[in-house]
Amino acid sequence: MDFIKAKDTYKKHAIVQRKMAKKLVLELKTRCGADFQDVFEIGSGTGLLSDEIISNLNFEKFILNDLTENYTGISPFKYYKGDILKADIEENFDLIISNAVFQWIDDKEKLCSKLYRLLNRDGILAFTTFGGDNFNQIKDTTGFSLDYTDITPFIEKAGFKILYFEEELETLYFSDVRNILEHIKLTGVGNNANCLWTKNRYETFKKKYLEKFSDNNGVELTYHPLYFICQKA
């Protein structure tokens, strides 16, 4: 993931991820209320979800984690830098929350088991990720894609009860194929279009993309957001 390179442009261009963060917190408040003593955010990035948490939830401690430095502009109670699967987390939490991160984590069984252990009794795990139709146009045109493994079996195996699940398809339209590639670059998710571009390869890609995925609205790129709210049984 090229997030570090995109940290200064992410907030402006991560249109879908911003909507996901807002909706996740809204659905969380609707189903579980707004009061959580200890909150842990995984993959805090530049703070899209962090801002929603601070604006909408009540908590005593707010702890953050990310692979990179703390780019949120927030001074958390504690900051864990590094891979969540390897981090030695000392606390337990009433809420663990994450937005558009878990698709990057290969060992989802280990992830769900660890998060279950980190939650207090009846604690809540709320997160968004992406499903198999995410960037389907890129996959169809180039053959490159993340492995969007279904996380649901691992959630249930770990012992969670799923309180809420929803999926959406969100299609953005651009004026040109080059604008789509720029959008992907500026949001730091370049692995989805991980091609070594040459002029000929780009022109072939562009021609195929325009033939299959453009209409009167423009050139399309589809996101496939998934929303989960789970409780430790």
Protein backbone atom coordinates (compact mmCIF):
# COMPACT_ATOMS: atom_id res chain seq x y z
CA MET A 1 0.00 0.00 0.00
CA ASP A 2 1.29 3.46 -0.93
CA PHE A 3 -0.44 5.28 1.90
CA ILE A 4 2.59 7.19 3.15
CA LYS A 5 3.01 8.82 -0.26
CA ALA A 6 -0.68 9.75 -0.27
CA LYS A 7 -1.01 10.96 3.32
CA ASP A 8 -1.26 14.62 2.26
CA THR A 9 -3.92 13.97 -0.39
CA TYR A 10 -5.91 11.15 1.18
CA LYS A 11 -8.50 13.18 3.07
CA LYS A 12 -9.43 15.24 0.03
CA HIS A 13 -9.72 12.36 -2.41
CA ALA A 14 -10.97 9.49 -0.19
CA ILE A 15 -14.61 10.28 -0.95
CA VAL A 16 -16.00 6.79 -0.40
CA GLN A 17 -13.88 6.11 2.67
CA ARG A 18 -15.17 9.33 4.27
CA LYS A 19 -18.77 8.27 3.67
CA MET A 20 -17.97 4.86 5.12
CA ALA A 21 -16.53 6.38 8.30
CA LYS A 22 -19.59 8.57 8.83
CA LYS A 23 -22.03 5.73 8.22
CA LEU A 24 -20.15 3.28 10.45
CA VAL A 25 -20.28 5.64 13.43
CA LEU A 26 -23.94 6.47 12.77
CA GLU A 27 -24.90 2.79 12.66
CA LEU A 28 -22.83 2.14 15.77
CA LYS A 29 -24.64 4.88 17.72
CA THR A 30 -28.02 3.60 16.52
CA ARG A 31 -27.38 0.02 17.67
CA CYS A 32 -24.99 0.34 20.60
CA GLY A 33 -25.25 3.91 21.87
CA ALA A 34 -22.51 6.52 22.08
CA ASP A 35 -20.85 5.68 25.41
CA PHE A 36 -17.67 3.57 25.46
CA GLN A 37 -15.06 3.86 28.16
CA ASP A 38 -12.01 2.56 26.26
CA VAL A 39 -11.85 2.90 22.46
CA PHE A 40 -9.18 1.48 20.14
CA GLU A 41 -8.95 2.49 16.48
CA ILE A 42 -6.97 0.31 14.08
CA GLY A 43 -5.49 1.97 11.00
CA SER A 44 -6.09 5.58 12.03
CA GLY A 45 -4.31 7.01 8.98
CA THR A 46 -5.00 10.73 8.56
CA GLY A 47 -7.96 10.66 10.92
CA LEU A 48 -11.12 10.32 8.80
CA LEU A 49 -12.65 7.88 11.27
CA SER A 50 -10.90 9.42 14.28
CA ASP A 51 -12.69 12.73 13.63
CA GLU A 52 -16.06 10.98 13.53
CA ILE A 53 -15.32 9.14 16.78
CA ILE A 54 -14.35 12.32 18.60
CA SER A 55 -17.38 14.20 17.28
CA ASN A 56 -19.98 11.53 18.00
CA LEU A 57 -18.87 9.17 20.77
CA ASN A 58 -18.20 9.59 24.49
CA PHE A 59 -15.14 7.86 25.90
CA GLU A 60 -12.49 7.99 28.63
CA LYS A 61 -9.52 6.67 26.64
CA PHE A 62 -8.90 6.77 22.89
CA ILE A 63 -5.97 4.68 21.67
CA LEU A 64 -4.78 4.62 18.06
CA ASN A 65 -2.81 2.23 15.88
CA ASP A 66 -1.34 2.48 12.40
CA LEU A 67 1.63 1.16 10.43
CA THR A 68 2.93 4.70 10.03
CA GLU A 69 3.42 7.70 12.28
CA ASN A 70 0.39 9.40 13.83
CA TYR A 71 -0.90 11.60 11.00
CA THR A 72 -4.33 12.25 12.53
CA GLY A 73 -3.48 15.53 14.25
CA ILE A 74 -4.96 13.99 17.41
CA SER A 75 -3.09 13.38 20.66
CA PRO A 76 -4.42 9.97 21.72
CA PHE A 77 -4.09 8.43 25.15
CA LYS A 78 -1.56 6.06 23.56
CA TYR A 79 -0.36 5.34 20.03
CA TYR A 80 0.70 1.88 18.87
CA LYS A 81 2.81 2.06 15.71
CA GLY A 82 3.10 -1.13 13.70
CA ASP A 83 1.30 -4.16 12.33
CA ILE A 84 -1.79 -4.87 14.44
CA LEU A 85 -1.08 -8.61 14.26
CA LYS A 86 2.37 -8.12 15.80
CA ALA A 87 1.69 -5.23 18.18
CA ASP A 88 1.83 -6.06 21.88
CA ILE A 89 -1.37 -4.37 23.03
CA GLU A 90 -1.49 -3.95 26.81
CA GLU A 91 -5.09 -2.80 27.26
CA ASN A 92 -8.56 -4.22 26.82
CA PHE A 93 -11.36 -2.24 25.21
CA ASP A 94 -15.10 -1.69 25.11
CA LEU A 95 -14.96 -0.70 21.43
CA ILE A 96 -12.51 -1.63 18.68
CA ILE A 97 -13.20 0.23 15.47
CA SER A 98 -11.63 0.49 12.02
CA ASN A 99 -12.43 1.91 8.59
CA ALA A 100 -11.26 0.56 5.22
CA VAL A 101 -8.27 -1.30 6.66
CA PHE A 102 -8.96 -5.01 7.13
CA GLN A 103 -8.80 -5.76 3.39
CA TRP A 104 -5.03 -5.20 3.67
CA ILE A 105 -4.59 -7.83 6.40
CA ASP A 106 -3.93 -11.31 4.99
CA ASP A 107 -4.40 -13.44 8.11
CA LYS A 108 -7.99 -12.55 8.95
CA GLU A 109 -8.43 -15.54 11.26
CA LYS A 110 -5.55 -14.37 13.44
CA LEU A 111 -6.88 -10.79 13.31
CA CYS A 112 -10.37 -11.72 14.50
CA SER A 113 -9.05 -13.97 17.26
CA LYS A 114 -6.75 -11.24 18.55
CA LEU A 115 -9.46 -8.57 18.50
CA TYR A 116 -11.81 -10.90 20.38
CA ARG A 117 -9.20 -11.29 23.11
CA LEU A 118 -8.65 -7.52 23.31
CA LEU A 119 -12.31 -6.76 23.94
CA ASN A 120 -13.95 -6.63 27.34
CA ARG A 121 -17.04 -8.74 27.98
CA ASP A 122 -19.86 -7.69 25.61
CA GLY A 123 -17.39 -5.42 23.83
CA ILE A 124 -18.09 -4.17 20.31
CA LEU A 125 -16.07 -4.61 17.13
CA ALA A 126 -17.20 -2.15 14.43
CA PHE A 127 -15.45 -1.95 11.10
CA THR A 128 -15.72 -1.44 7.37
CA THR A 129 -13.82 -3.24 4.66
CA PHE A 130 -14.33 -4.01 0.97
CA GLY A 131 -15.92 -6.91 -0.89
CA GLY A 132 -15.02 -8.80 -4.02
CA ASP A 133 -16.55 -6.30 -6.46
CA ASN A 134 -14.26 -3.53 -5.28
CA PHE A 135 -12.46 -1.95 -8.26
CA ASN A 136 -13.91 -4.69 -10.45
CA GLN A 137 -13.15 -2.60 -13.55
CA ILE A 138 -9.44 -2.57 -12.71
CA LYS A 139 -9.44 -6.30 -12.09
CA ASP A 140 -11.30 -7.00 -15.31
CA THR A 141 -8.96 -4.83 -17.37
CA THR A 142 -5.58 -5.67 -15.81
CA GLY A 143 -6.08 -8.92 -13.90
CA PHE A 144 -4.70 -7.28 -10.75
CA SER A 145 -6.69 -7.17 -7.52
CA LEU A 146 -6.44 -7.61 -3.79
CA ASP A 147 -7.62 -10.96 -2.46
CA TYR A 148 -10.94 -9.88 -0.96
CA THR A 149 -11.40 -12.91 1.29
CA ASP A 150 -14.75 -13.07 3.08
CA ILE A 151 -14.06 -12.18 6.70
CA THR A 152 -17.43 -13.41 8.02
CA PRO A 153 -16.39 -17.03 8.81
CA PHE A 154 -13.43 -15.78 10.84
CA ILE A 155 -15.61 -13.33 12.79
CA GLU A 156 -17.99 -16.13 13.74
CA LYS A 157 -15.21 -18.63 14.46
CA ALA A 158 -13.58 -16.17 16.87
CA GLY A 159 -16.83 -16.04 18.85
CA PHE A 160 -18.42 -12.78 17.73
CA LYS A 161 -22.13 -12.28 17.21
CA ILE A 162 -22.81 -10.12 14.14
CA LEU A 163 -25.30 -7.43 15.13
CA TYR A 164 -25.31 -5.58 11.83
CA PHE A 165 -24.06 -6.18 8.32
CA GLU A 166 -24.60 -4.18 5.16
CA GLU A 167 -22.94 -3.98 1.78
CA GLU A 168 -23.10 -1.28 -0.87
CA LEU A 169 -21.86 -0.62 -4.36
CA GLU A 170 -20.66 2.95 -4.86
CA THR A 171 -19.66 3.95 -8.38
CA LEU A 172 -17.65 7.09 -9.04
CA TYR A 173 -17.42 8.66 -12.49
CA PHE A 174 -14.36 10.35 -13.95
CA SER A 175 -13.70 12.29 -17.13
CA ASP A 176 -10.88 10.02 -18.28
CA VAL A 177 -9.04 6.79 -17.44
CA ARG A 178 -6.00 8.81 -16.41
CA ASN A 179 -8.13 10.53 -13.76
CA ILE A 180 -9.06 7.14 -12.32
CA LEU A 181 -5.42 6.15 -11.99
CA GLU A 182 -4.66 9.51 -10.39
CA HIS A 183 -7.53 9.02 -7.93
CA ILE A 184 -6.16 5.61 -6.96
CA LYS A 185 -2.68 7.07 -6.50
CA LEU A 186 -3.91 9.99 -4.39
CA THR A 187 -5.79 7.68 -2.03
CA GLY A 188 -2.81 5.36 -1.58
CA VAL A 189 -4.44 2.17 -2.81
CA GLY A 190 -2.20 1.74 -5.84
CA ASN A 191 -1.77 -2.01 -5.33
CA ASN A 192 -5.13 -2.44 -7.04
CA ALA A 193 -3.64 -1.12 -10.28
CA ASN A 194 -0.17 -2.51 -9.78
CA CYS A 195 0.99 -2.47 -13.38
CA LEU A 196 4.39 -1.52 -14.70
CA TRP A 197 3.10 0.98 -17.21
CA THR A 198 4.67 1.41 -20.61
CA LYS A 199 3.14 3.64 -23.25
CA ASN A 200 1.81 0.69 -25.22
CA ARG A 201 0.49 -1.07 -22.12
CA TYR A 202 -1.26 2.09 -20.94
CA GLU A 203 -2.87 2.69 -24.34
CA THR A 204 -4.12 -0.92 -24.47
CA PHE A 205 -5.48 -0.62 -20.91
CA LYS A 206 -7.17 2.71 -21.70
CA LYS A 207 -8.81 1.41 -24.88
CA LYS A 208 -10.18 -1.69 -23.15
CA TYR A 209 -11.34 0.29 -20.10
CA LEU A 210 -13.18 2.89 -22.19
CA GLU A 211 -14.85 0.24 -24.32
CA LYS A 212 -16.23 -1.65 -21.32
CA PHE A 213 -16.66 0.91 -18.53
CA SER A 214 -17.68 4.30 -19.92
CA ASP A 215 -21.06 5.81 -20.72
CA ASN A 216 -22.76 9.19 -20.78
CA ASN A 217 -21.93 9.67 -17.08
CA GLY A 218 -18.20 9.27 -17.67
CA VAL A 219 -15.67 6.55 -16.92
CA GLU A 220 -16.63 4.41 -13.93
CA LEU A 221 -14.85 2.98 -10.91
CA THR A 222 -16.80 0.92 -8.38
CA TYR A 223 -16.23 0.54 -4.66
CA HIS A 224 -17.82 -2.31 -2.67
CA PRO A 225 -18.04 -1.22 1.00
CA LEU A 226 -18.93 -3.75 3.71
CA TYR A 227 -20.12 -2.69 7.19
CA PHE A 228 -19.93 -4.90 10.28
CA ILE A 229 -20.92 -4.33 13.89
CA CYS A 230 -20.17 -7.35 16.10
CA GLN A 231 -20.35 -8.14 19.79
CA LYS A 232 -18.15 -10.34 21.90
CA ALA A 233 -20.37 -13.22 22.95
